[in-house]
Amino acid sequence: MADEINTLEDLAAAVTEDIGAVQGSTAEEALAAREPVRDELGRAYATGKRKDAVARVWIKPGSGKVSVNGKELNDYFARPVLQMILRQPFSVAGVEDQFDVQATVKGGGLSGQAGAVKHGISKALQLYDPSLRAALKAAGFLTRDSRVVERKKYGKAKARKSFQFSKR
């Protein structure tokens, strides 16, 4: 890779150049192959997962309001880092404050739940508007992060930690 991608704008430019790389097809053919998937209320639905957390996410055009488990984004995810994680798909796709999000999330901790909602938002965005798929895929937001906690082994204190060694 000769030129480096340092900003989101560079990423978007690189994605638009490579959008037709689907085995010899043109950009128009690649976009025409996918159709938007929406329900009768005009919403797109997707399921996101991260660690032990599973999120159900619905998005629809709106003013950028985000509701998680019936609470506002700032109330449910109080840490700014977690709020930033949820907003990443919108900034990469260039559609900030254009969609309302309603999500229900179960399992795991707050970090895993934020990652699950981010994954669900990304999948729902690409279902609502297939032209956003290239940018989201290039940023790696459509791939489920498969890392989970390693199980505890017998004879060990945790998964890999041993008990203190005693010579005598």
N, C-alpha and C. Protein backbone atom coordinates (compact mmCIF):
# COMPACT_ATOMS: atom_id res chain seq x y z
N MET A 1 0.86 -1.17 0.00
CA MET A 1 0.00 0.00 0.00
C MET A 1 0.90 1.23 0.00
N ALA A 2 0.89 1.97 -1.10
CA ALA A 2 1.80 3.08 -1.27
C ALA A 2 1.37 4.29 -0.43
N ASP A 3 0.09 4.65 -0.49
CA ASP A 3 -0.37 5.80 0.27
C ASP A 3 -1.07 5.34 1.54
N GLU A 4 -0.81 6.06 2.62
CA GLU A 4 -1.36 5.68 3.91
C GLU A 4 -2.71 6.35 4.14
N ILE A 5 -3.57 5.69 4.88
CA ILE A 5 -4.88 6.23 5.23
C ILE A 5 -4.80 6.65 6.69
N ASN A 6 -4.86 7.96 6.92
CA ASN A 6 -4.72 8.48 8.28
C ASN A 6 -6.02 9.08 8.81
N THR A 7 -6.93 9.50 7.94
CA THR A 7 -8.16 10.14 8.38
C THR A 7 -9.36 9.40 7.80
N LEU A 8 -10.53 9.74 8.33
CA LEU A 8 -11.75 9.12 7.82
C LEU A 8 -12.03 9.56 6.38
N GLU A 9 -11.63 10.80 6.03
CA GLU A 9 -11.82 11.28 4.66
C GLU A 9 -10.96 10.47 3.69
N ASP A 10 -9.71 10.16 4.09
CA ASP A 10 -8.84 9.34 3.25
C ASP A 10 -9.44 7.95 3.05
N LEU A 11 -10.04 7.41 4.12
CA LEU A 11 -10.66 6.10 4.04
C LEU A 11 -11.84 6.12 3.08
N ALA A 12 -12.67 7.16 3.17
CA ALA A 12 -13.82 7.26 2.28
C ALA A 12 -13.38 7.39 0.83
N ALA A 13 -12.32 8.16 0.59
CA ALA A 13 -11.81 8.32 -0.78
C ALA A 13 -11.27 7.00 -1.32
N ALA A 14 -10.57 6.25 -0.49
CA ALA A 14 -10.01 4.97 -0.93
C ALA A 14 -11.12 3.97 -1.21
N VAL A 15 -12.18 4.03 -0.44
CA VAL A 15 -13.28 3.09 -0.63
C VAL A 15 -14.01 3.38 -1.93
N THR A 16 -14.24 4.66 -2.22
CA THR A 16 -14.96 4.99 -3.45
C THR A 16 -14.16 4.62 -4.69
N GLU A 17 -12.83 4.63 -4.59
CA GLU A 17 -12.00 4.23 -5.72
C GLU A 17 -12.09 2.72 -5.96
N ASP A 18 -12.17 1.95 -4.86
CA ASP A 18 -12.12 0.50 -4.98
C ASP A 18 -13.48 -0.17 -4.94
N ILE A 19 -14.56 0.60 -5.10
CA ILE A 19 -15.89 0.02 -4.91
C ILE A 19 -16.23 -0.99 -6.00
N GLY A 20 -15.63 -0.87 -7.16
CA GLY A 20 -15.96 -1.79 -8.24
C GLY A 20 -15.06 -2.99 -8.31
N ALA A 21 -14.37 -3.31 -7.26
CA ALA A 21 -13.40 -4.39 -7.28
C ALA A 21 -14.03 -5.76 -7.05
N VAL A 22 -15.33 -5.89 -7.24
CA VAL A 22 -16.00 -7.17 -7.01
C VAL A 22 -15.85 -8.01 -8.27
N GLN A 23 -14.70 -8.63 -8.43
CA GLN A 23 -14.37 -9.56 -9.50
C GLN A 23 -14.76 -9.02 -10.86
N GLY A 24 -14.19 -7.88 -11.22
CA GLY A 24 -14.33 -7.35 -12.56
C GLY A 24 -15.60 -6.58 -12.82
N SER A 25 -16.46 -6.39 -11.84
CA SER A 25 -17.69 -5.64 -12.08
C SER A 25 -17.44 -4.15 -11.89
N THR A 26 -18.30 -3.33 -12.47
CA THR A 26 -18.18 -1.89 -12.30
C THR A 26 -18.84 -1.47 -11.00
N ALA A 27 -18.62 -0.21 -10.61
CA ALA A 27 -19.19 0.28 -9.36
C ALA A 27 -20.71 0.27 -9.40
N GLU A 28 -21.29 0.62 -10.56
CA GLU A 28 -22.75 0.65 -10.67
C GLU A 28 -23.33 -0.76 -10.53
N GLU A 29 -22.67 -1.75 -11.14
CA GLU A 29 -23.16 -3.12 -11.04
C GLU A 29 -23.06 -3.64 -9.61
N ALA A 30 -21.99 -3.27 -8.91
CA ALA A 30 -21.81 -3.72 -7.53
C ALA A 30 -22.90 -3.15 -6.62
N LEU A 31 -23.25 -1.87 -6.83
CA LEU A 31 -24.29 -1.26 -6.00
C LEU A 31 -25.68 -1.76 -6.39
N ALA A 32 -25.90 -2.03 -7.67
CA ALA A 32 -27.21 -2.47 -8.11
C ALA A 32 -27.52 -3.89 -7.66
N ALA A 33 -26.49 -4.68 -7.37
CA ALA A 33 -26.70 -6.06 -6.96
C ALA A 33 -27.41 -6.15 -5.61
N ARG A 34 -27.26 -5.14 -4.76
CA ARG A 34 -27.88 -5.16 -3.44
C ARG A 34 -29.06 -4.20 -3.40
N GLU A 35 -30.11 -4.63 -2.74
CA GLU A 35 -31.28 -3.77 -2.58
C GLU A 35 -31.49 -3.48 -1.11
N PRO A 36 -32.05 -2.30 -0.79
CA PRO A 36 -32.31 -1.97 0.62
C PRO A 36 -33.29 -2.95 1.23
N VAL A 37 -33.08 -3.27 2.52
CA VAL A 37 -33.97 -4.16 3.27
C VAL A 37 -34.58 -3.35 4.40
N ARG A 38 -35.91 -3.10 4.28
CA ARG A 38 -36.61 -2.29 5.28
C ARG A 38 -37.94 -2.94 5.61
N ASP A 39 -38.43 -2.70 6.84
CA ASP A 39 -39.73 -3.25 7.21
C ASP A 39 -40.84 -2.29 6.81
N GLU A 40 -42.08 -2.61 7.21
CA GLU A 40 -43.23 -1.78 6.80
C GLU A 40 -43.21 -0.39 7.42
N LEU A 41 -42.42 -0.20 8.48
CA LEU A 41 -42.32 1.12 9.11
C LEU A 41 -41.12 1.92 8.57
N GLY A 42 -40.43 1.38 7.58
CA GLY A 42 -39.29 2.09 6.99
C GLY A 42 -38.01 1.96 7.79
N ARG A 43 -37.93 0.93 8.66
CA ARG A 43 -36.75 0.74 9.49
C ARG A 43 -35.92 -0.41 8.95
N ALA A 44 -34.63 -0.36 9.26
CA ALA A 44 -33.74 -1.49 8.96
C ALA A 44 -33.38 -2.13 10.29
N TYR A 45 -33.35 -3.48 10.32
CA TYR A 45 -33.06 -4.21 11.55
C TYR A 45 -31.82 -5.06 11.37
N ALA A 46 -31.01 -5.13 12.42
CA ALA A 46 -29.84 -6.01 12.39
C ALA A 46 -29.51 -6.43 13.82
N THR A 47 -28.81 -7.54 13.92
CA THR A 47 -28.34 -8.05 15.21
C THR A 47 -26.84 -7.90 15.28
N GLY A 48 -26.34 -7.31 16.37
CA GLY A 48 -24.90 -7.15 16.56
C GLY A 48 -24.45 -7.96 17.76
N LYS A 49 -23.22 -8.47 17.68
CA LYS A 49 -22.69 -9.28 18.77
C LYS A 49 -21.26 -8.88 19.09
N ARG A 50 -20.90 -8.99 20.36
CA ARG A 50 -19.54 -8.72 20.83
C ARG A 50 -19.38 -9.37 22.18
N LYS A 51 -18.34 -10.20 22.36
CA LYS A 51 -18.14 -10.97 23.59
C LYS A 51 -19.42 -11.73 23.92
N ASP A 52 -20.02 -11.50 25.08
CA ASP A 52 -21.26 -12.19 25.44
C ASP A 52 -22.49 -11.33 25.21
N ALA A 53 -22.32 -10.15 24.66
CA ALA A 53 -23.44 -9.22 24.48
C ALA A 53 -24.08 -9.40 23.11
N VAL A 54 -25.41 -9.33 23.09
CA VAL A 54 -26.17 -9.41 21.85
C VAL A 54 -27.10 -8.20 21.79
N ALA A 55 -27.05 -7.46 20.69
CA ALA A 55 -27.86 -6.25 20.54
C ALA A 55 -28.80 -6.40 19.35
N ARG A 56 -30.04 -6.00 19.55
CA ARG A 56 -31.01 -5.89 18.45
C ARG A 56 -31.14 -4.42 18.14
N VAL A 57 -30.93 -4.04 16.88
CA VAL A 57 -30.85 -2.63 16.51
C VAL A 57 -31.81 -2.34 15.36
N TRP A 58 -32.60 -1.28 15.54
CA TRP A 58 -33.46 -0.76 14.47
C TRP A 58 -33.01 0.66 14.17
N ILE A 59 -32.85 1.01 12.88
CA ILE A 59 -32.54 2.38 12.51
C ILE A 59 -33.59 2.88 11.52
N LYS A 60 -33.87 4.18 11.61
CA LYS A 60 -34.79 4.82 10.67
C LYS A 60 -34.33 6.27 10.50
N PRO A 61 -34.71 6.91 9.40
CA PRO A 61 -34.31 8.30 9.20
C PRO A 61 -34.85 9.17 10.32
N GLY A 62 -34.02 10.10 10.79
CA GLY A 62 -34.43 10.95 11.89
C GLY A 62 -33.40 12.01 12.19
N SER A 63 -33.35 12.40 13.47
CA SER A 63 -32.50 13.52 13.88
C SER A 63 -31.24 13.08 14.62
N GLY A 64 -30.99 11.78 14.71
CA GLY A 64 -29.78 11.31 15.38
C GLY A 64 -30.01 10.90 16.82
N LYS A 65 -31.26 10.66 17.22
CA LYS A 65 -31.56 10.25 18.59
C LYS A 65 -31.22 8.76 18.76
N VAL A 66 -30.51 8.42 19.84
CA VAL A 66 -30.13 7.04 20.10
C VAL A 66 -30.74 6.60 21.43
N SER A 67 -31.49 5.49 21.40
CA SER A 67 -32.12 4.94 22.59
C SER A 67 -31.64 3.51 22.78
N VAL A 68 -31.07 3.22 23.95
CA VAL A 68 -30.58 1.87 24.25
C VAL A 68 -31.32 1.37 25.48
N ASN A 69 -32.04 0.27 25.33
CA ASN A 69 -32.86 -0.31 26.41
C ASN A 69 -33.80 0.72 27.03
N GLY A 70 -34.38 1.57 26.20
CA GLY A 70 -35.34 2.57 26.68
C GLY A 70 -34.72 3.80 27.30
N LYS A 71 -33.40 3.87 27.36
CA LYS A 71 -32.72 5.03 27.94
C LYS A 71 -31.97 5.79 26.85
N GLU A 72 -31.72 7.07 27.11
CA GLU A 72 -30.92 7.86 26.19
C GLU A 72 -29.49 7.34 26.18
N LEU A 73 -28.77 7.64 25.10
CA LEU A 73 -27.39 7.17 24.95
C LEU A 73 -26.52 7.64 26.11
N ASN A 74 -26.64 8.92 26.51
CA ASN A 74 -25.80 9.47 27.58
C ASN A 74 -26.12 8.85 28.94
N ASP A 75 -27.35 8.38 29.12
CA ASP A 75 -27.71 7.76 30.39
C ASP A 75 -27.23 6.31 30.47
N TYR A 76 -27.35 5.56 29.36
CA TYR A 76 -26.99 4.15 29.39
C TYR A 76 -25.48 3.96 29.32
N PHE A 77 -24.84 4.64 28.37
CA PHE A 77 -23.38 4.58 28.24
C PHE A 77 -22.83 5.92 28.72
N ALA A 78 -22.47 6.00 30.01
CA ALA A 78 -22.05 7.27 30.59
C ALA A 78 -20.64 7.67 30.16
N ARG A 79 -19.77 6.69 29.89
CA ARG A 79 -18.39 7.01 29.51
C ARG A 79 -18.33 7.54 28.08
N PRO A 80 -17.62 8.62 27.86
CA PRO A 80 -17.52 9.19 26.50
C PRO A 80 -16.91 8.23 25.49
N VAL A 81 -16.03 7.34 25.93
CA VAL A 81 -15.41 6.38 25.01
C VAL A 81 -16.47 5.44 24.43
N LEU A 82 -17.39 5.00 25.27
CA LEU A 82 -18.44 4.10 24.81
C LEU A 82 -19.39 4.82 23.86
N GLN A 83 -19.67 6.09 24.13
CA GLN A 83 -20.52 6.89 23.23
C GLN A 83 -19.83 7.09 21.89
N MET A 84 -18.51 7.28 21.91
CA MET A 84 -17.75 7.45 20.67
C MET A 84 -17.80 6.16 19.84
N ILE A 85 -17.71 5.01 20.51
CA ILE A 85 -17.76 3.73 19.82
C ILE A 85 -19.09 3.60 19.06
N LEU A 86 -20.19 4.01 19.68
CA LEU A 86 -21.49 3.91 19.03
C LEU A 86 -21.63 4.85 17.85
N ARG A 87 -20.95 5.98 17.88
CA ARG A 87 -21.07 6.96 16.79
C ARG A 87 -20.13 6.69 15.62
N GLN A 88 -19.17 5.79 15.79
CA GLN A 88 -18.19 5.53 14.73
C GLN A 88 -18.81 5.12 13.40
N PRO A 89 -19.78 4.20 13.35
CA PRO A 89 -20.33 3.82 12.04
C PRO A 89 -20.93 5.00 11.29
N PHE A 90 -21.58 5.92 12.01
CA PHE A 90 -22.19 7.07 11.35
C PHE A 90 -21.12 8.00 10.77
N SER A 91 -20.03 8.22 11.51
CA SER A 91 -18.99 9.12 11.02
C SER A 91 -18.24 8.52 9.83
N VAL A 92 -18.00 7.20 9.85
CA VAL A 92 -17.33 6.56 8.72
C VAL A 92 -18.20 6.61 7.47
N ALA A 93 -19.52 6.38 7.66
CA ALA A 93 -20.44 6.38 6.52
C ALA A 93 -20.81 7.80 6.09
N GLY A 94 -20.51 8.80 6.94
CA GLY A 94 -20.82 10.19 6.60
C GLY A 94 -22.29 10.53 6.74
N VAL A 95 -22.98 9.91 7.69
CA VAL A 95 -24.42 10.16 7.88
C VAL A 95 -24.72 10.52 9.33
N GLU A 96 -23.89 11.39 9.93
CA GLU A 96 -24.12 11.79 11.31
C GLU A 96 -25.45 12.52 11.43
N ASP A 97 -26.18 12.24 12.51
CA ASP A 97 -27.45 12.89 12.84
C ASP A 97 -28.49 12.77 11.73
N GLN A 98 -28.45 11.67 10.97
CA GLN A 98 -29.46 11.44 9.94
C GLN A 98 -30.36 10.24 10.27
N PHE A 99 -29.97 9.44 11.28
CA PHE A 99 -30.74 8.25 11.62
C PHE A 99 -31.02 8.22 13.11
N ASP A 100 -32.24 7.77 13.46
CA ASP A 100 -32.58 7.48 14.85
C ASP A 100 -32.33 6.00 15.09
N VAL A 101 -31.81 5.68 16.27
CA VAL A 101 -31.45 4.31 16.59
C VAL A 101 -32.24 3.87 17.83
N GLN A 102 -32.85 2.70 17.73
CA GLN A 102 -33.46 2.08 18.91
C GLN A 102 -32.80 0.72 19.06
N ALA A 103 -32.22 0.47 20.22
CA ALA A 103 -31.50 -0.79 20.43
C ALA A 103 -31.88 -1.40 21.76
N THR A 104 -31.93 -2.74 21.78
CA THR A 104 -32.04 -3.48 23.02
C THR A 104 -30.83 -4.40 23.08
N VAL A 105 -30.17 -4.42 24.22
CA VAL A 105 -28.94 -5.19 24.35
C VAL A 105 -28.95 -5.97 25.65
N LYS A 106 -28.47 -7.23 25.58
CA LYS A 106 -28.43 -8.10 26.75
C LYS A 106 -27.08 -8.76 26.82
N GLY A 107 -26.68 -9.14 28.03
CA GLY A 107 -25.47 -9.92 28.24
C GLY A 107 -24.22 -9.09 28.26
N GLY A 108 -23.17 -9.65 28.84
CA GLY A 108 -21.86 -9.00 28.87
C GLY A 108 -21.83 -7.76 29.72
N GLY A 109 -20.74 -7.00 29.58
CA GLY A 109 -20.58 -5.75 30.30
C GLY A 109 -20.81 -4.57 29.37
N LEU A 110 -20.55 -3.39 29.89
CA LEU A 110 -20.82 -2.18 29.11
C LEU A 110 -19.97 -2.11 27.84
N SER A 111 -18.71 -2.49 27.94
CA SER A 111 -17.83 -2.42 26.77
C SER A 111 -18.31 -3.38 25.67
N GLY A 112 -18.64 -4.59 26.06
CA GLY A 112 -19.15 -5.56 25.09
C GLY A 112 -20.48 -5.13 24.51
N GLN A 113 -21.32 -4.52 25.33
CA GLN A 113 -22.62 -4.06 24.85
C GLN A 113 -22.44 -2.91 23.86
N ALA A 114 -21.51 -2.01 24.13
CA ALA A 114 -21.26 -0.91 23.19
C ALA A 114 -20.75 -1.46 21.86
N GLY A 115 -19.88 -2.45 21.91
CA GLY A 115 -19.39 -3.07 20.68
C GLY A 115 -20.49 -3.79 19.93
N ALA A 116 -21.41 -4.42 20.66
CA ALA A 116 -22.52 -5.13 20.02
C ALA A 116 -23.46 -4.15 19.33
N VAL A 117 -23.75 -3.03 19.98
CA VAL A 117 -24.62 -2.03 19.37
C VAL A 117 -23.94 -1.42 18.14
N LYS A 118 -22.63 -1.18 18.22
CA LYS A 118 -21.88 -0.66 17.07
C LYS A 118 -21.97 -1.63 15.89
N HIS A 119 -21.78 -2.92 16.16
CA HIS A 119 -21.87 -3.93 15.12
C HIS A 119 -23.27 -3.96 14.51
N GLY A 120 -24.29 -3.87 15.37
CA GLY A 120 -25.67 -3.87 14.88
C GLY A 120 -25.99 -2.64 14.05
N ILE A 121 -25.52 -1.47 14.48
CA ILE A 121 -25.74 -0.23 13.73
C ILE A 121 -25.09 -0.33 12.35
N SER A 122 -23.87 -0.85 12.31
CA SER A 122 -23.16 -0.98 11.03
C SER A 122 -23.92 -1.90 10.08
N LYS A 123 -24.38 -3.04 10.58
CA LYS A 123 -25.11 -3.97 9.73
C LYS A 123 -26.44 -3.38 9.27
N ALA A 124 -27.12 -2.66 10.16
CA ALA A 124 -28.40 -2.05 9.80
C ALA A 124 -28.20 -0.93 8.78
N LEU A 125 -27.14 -0.15 8.93
CA LEU A 125 -26.86 0.92 7.96
C LEU A 125 -26.65 0.37 6.57
N GLN A 126 -25.89 -0.72 6.46
CA GLN A 126 -25.63 -1.26 5.13
C GLN A 126 -26.87 -1.94 4.56
N LEU A 127 -27.78 -2.40 5.41
CA LEU A 127 -29.04 -2.93 4.90
C LEU A 127 -29.98 -1.80 4.45
N TYR A 128 -29.97 -0.69 5.19
CA TYR A 128 -30.83 0.44 4.84
C TYR A 128 -30.36 1.10 3.54
N ASP A 129 -29.05 1.30 3.42
CA ASP A 129 -28.48 1.93 2.22
C ASP A 129 -27.26 1.14 1.78
N PRO A 130 -27.41 0.24 0.80
CA PRO A 130 -26.29 -0.62 0.38
C PRO A 130 -25.07 0.15 -0.12
N SER A 131 -25.21 1.41 -0.49
CA SER A 131 -24.05 2.17 -0.96
C SER A 131 -23.07 2.48 0.18
N LEU A 132 -23.52 2.35 1.43
CA LEU A 132 -22.64 2.60 2.58
C LEU A 132 -21.81 1.38 2.94
N ARG A 133 -22.09 0.23 2.33
CA ARG A 133 -21.43 -1.01 2.68
C ARG A 133 -19.92 -0.95 2.50
N ALA A 134 -19.46 -0.35 1.42
CA ALA A 134 -18.02 -0.32 1.12
C ALA A 134 -17.24 0.40 2.21
N ALA A 135 -17.74 1.55 2.65
CA ALA A 135 -17.04 2.31 3.69
C ALA A 135 -17.04 1.56 5.01
N LEU A 136 -18.18 0.97 5.37
CA LEU A 136 -18.28 0.24 6.64
C LEU A 136 -17.42 -1.02 6.62
N LYS A 137 -17.38 -1.71 5.48
CA LYS A 137 -16.58 -2.93 5.39
C LYS A 137 -15.09 -2.60 5.43
N ALA A 138 -14.69 -1.52 4.76
CA ALA A 138 -13.27 -1.12 4.76
C ALA A 138 -12.81 -0.74 6.16
N ALA A 139 -13.71 -0.19 6.97
CA ALA A 139 -13.36 0.17 8.34
C ALA A 139 -13.41 -1.03 9.27
N GLY A 140 -13.93 -2.17 8.79
CA GLY A 140 -13.97 -3.38 9.60
C GLY A 140 -15.15 -3.45 10.55
N PHE A 141 -16.20 -2.66 10.31
CA PHE A 141 -17.32 -2.62 11.24
C PHE A 141 -18.35 -3.71 10.98
N LEU A 142 -18.30 -4.37 9.83
CA LEU A 142 -19.27 -5.41 9.52
C LEU A 142 -18.81 -6.79 9.97
N THR A 143 -17.56 -6.89 10.40
CA THR A 143 -17.02 -8.16 10.85
C THR A 143 -17.25 -8.32 12.35
N ARG A 144 -17.78 -9.47 12.74
CA ARG A 144 -18.00 -9.72 14.15
C ARG A 144 -16.67 -10.01 14.82
N ASP A 145 -16.39 -9.31 15.91
CA ASP A 145 -15.15 -9.52 16.65
C ASP A 145 -15.31 -10.82 17.45
N SER A 146 -14.61 -11.86 17.04
CA SER A 146 -14.85 -13.19 17.60
C SER A 146 -14.09 -13.45 18.90
N ARG A 147 -13.34 -12.46 19.39
CA ARG A 147 -12.57 -12.70 20.62
C ARG A 147 -13.50 -12.79 21.82
N VAL A 148 -13.39 -13.88 22.56
CA VAL A 148 -14.17 -14.07 23.78
C VAL A 148 -13.22 -14.50 24.88
N VAL A 149 -13.73 -14.50 26.11
CA VAL A 149 -12.90 -14.85 27.26
C VAL A 149 -12.53 -16.33 27.19
N GLU A 150 -11.25 -16.62 27.41
CA GLU A 150 -10.77 -18.00 27.40
C GLU A 150 -11.24 -18.71 28.66
N ARG A 151 -11.59 -19.99 28.53
CA ARG A 151 -12.12 -20.71 29.67
C ARG A 151 -11.02 -21.05 30.67
N LYS A 152 -11.41 -21.24 31.93
CA LYS A 152 -10.48 -21.62 32.97
C LYS A 152 -10.12 -23.09 32.81
N LYS A 153 -8.82 -23.40 32.98
CA LYS A 153 -8.35 -24.79 32.90
C LYS A 153 -8.15 -25.36 34.29
N TYR A 154 -8.30 -26.68 34.40
CA TYR A 154 -8.09 -27.32 35.69
C TYR A 154 -6.60 -27.29 36.02
N GLY A 155 -6.27 -27.18 37.29
CA GLY A 155 -4.88 -27.10 37.72
C GLY A 155 -4.29 -25.71 37.59
N LYS A 156 -5.10 -24.75 37.17
CA LYS A 156 -4.65 -23.36 37.00
C LYS A 156 -5.54 -22.44 37.83
N ALA A 157 -5.00 -21.28 38.18
CA ALA A 157 -5.77 -20.32 38.94
C ALA A 157 -6.83 -19.66 38.05
N LYS A 158 -6.44 -19.32 36.82
CA LYS A 158 -7.38 -18.76 35.84
C LYS A 158 -7.14 -19.51 34.53
N ALA A 159 -7.34 -18.86 33.41
CA ALA A 159 -7.17 -19.56 32.14
C ALA A 159 -5.72 -19.99 31.92
N ARG A 160 -4.79 -19.09 32.25
CA ARG A 160 -3.38 -19.42 32.04
C ARG A 160 -2.52 -19.20 33.28
N LYS A 161 -3.01 -18.43 34.24
CA LYS A 161 -2.23 -18.12 35.43
C LYS A 161 -2.08 -19.36 36.31
N SER A 162 -0.85 -19.63 36.75
CA SER A 162 -0.60 -20.77 37.63
C SER A 162 -0.62 -20.32 39.08
N PHE A 163 -0.76 -21.29 39.97
CA PHE A 163 -0.65 -21.00 41.38
C PHE A 163 0.82 -20.73 41.70
N GLN A 164 1.09 -20.06 42.82
CA GLN A 164 2.46 -19.72 43.18
C GLN A 164 3.28 -21.00 43.40
N PHE A 165 4.47 -20.99 42.80
CA PHE A 165 5.33 -22.16 42.88
C PHE A 165 6.06 -22.17 44.23
N SER A 166 6.09 -23.33 44.88
CA SER A 166 6.79 -23.46 46.14
C SER A 166 7.81 -24.58 46.01
N LYS A 167 9.08 -24.22 46.20
CA LYS A 167 10.13 -25.21 46.06
C LYS A 167 10.12 -26.20 47.22
N ARG A 168 9.83 -25.72 48.41
CA ARG A 168 9.82 -26.59 49.61
C ARG A 168 8.51 -26.47 50.34
